[in-house]
Amino acid sequence: MIVVTHSEALLSSLRESGAAHEHELYKDLGETRIKGLGSLEGPLWTWPKR
C-alpha cells in the first residue's frame, strides 16, 4: 500500500505502527524528487515506443 499525506498526525501514526518505508518528496525546478536520492539513483525512465 502506498500512502501519500501532508498530515503530520497520520504520518506519526504510521511511524508508530511500524510502516516499512518512508520517502520524503520535494520539488526541484518543477521536478518532483525523492529526498536523499541522487539524480542517478532514481528509477530508470524511457519514453515508450509508439
Protein backbone atom coordinates (compact mmCIF):
# COMPACT_ATOMS: atom_id res chain seq x y z
CA MET A 1 0.00 0.00 0.00
CA ILE A 2 1.26 3.47 -0.81
CA VAL A 3 0.08 6.35 1.36
CA VAL A 4 0.70 9.95 0.36
CA THR A 5 -0.06 12.53 3.03
CA HIS A 6 0.55 16.04 4.28
CA SER A 7 -0.95 15.11 7.67
CA GLU A 8 1.60 15.04 10.49
CA ALA A 9 -0.90 13.11 12.65
CA LEU A 10 -1.30 10.35 10.05
CA LEU A 11 2.45 10.21 9.46
CA SER A 12 3.10 9.91 13.19
CA SER A 13 0.54 7.12 13.50
CA LEU A 14 2.06 5.21 10.58
CA ARG A 15 5.53 5.52 12.12
CA GLU A 16 4.28 4.21 15.46
CA SER A 17 2.60 1.24 13.77
CA GLY A 18 5.86 0.22 12.08
CA ALA A 19 5.28 1.35 8.50
CA ALA A 20 8.03 -0.29 6.46
CA HIS A 21 9.36 2.58 4.33
CA GLU A 22 9.10 6.32 4.28
CA HIS A 23 10.16 8.67 1.48
CA GLU A 24 10.03 12.44 1.54
CA LEU A 25 9.36 14.18 -1.78
CA TYR A 26 10.38 17.70 -2.73
CA LYS A 27 10.28 19.93 -5.81
CA ASP A 28 13.46 20.95 -7.64
CA LEU A 29 12.93 23.35 -10.56
CA GLY A 30 9.43 21.93 -11.09
CA GLU A 31 10.55 18.29 -10.92
CA THR A 32 9.46 16.04 -8.04
CA ARG A 33 12.41 14.28 -6.42
CA ILE A 34 12.93 11.86 -3.53
CA LYS A 35 14.90 13.40 -0.66
CA GLY A 36 18.21 11.61 -0.15
CA LEU A 37 18.46 10.10 -3.64
CA GLY A 38 20.88 11.47 -6.21
CA SER A 39 19.93 12.03 -9.83
CA LEU A 40 21.46 8.67 -10.85
CA GLU A 41 19.83 6.68 -8.05
CA GLY A 42 16.19 7.06 -9.07
CA PRO A 43 14.16 4.68 -11.21
CA LEU A 44 15.06 4.48 -14.89
CA TRP A 45 12.66 6.16 -17.27
CA THR A 46 12.38 5.87 -21.02
CA TRP A 47 9.62 7.09 -23.30
CA PRO A 48 7.63 4.14 -24.70
CA LYS A 49 7.81 3.45 -28.43
CA ARG A 50 4.72 4.20 -30.49
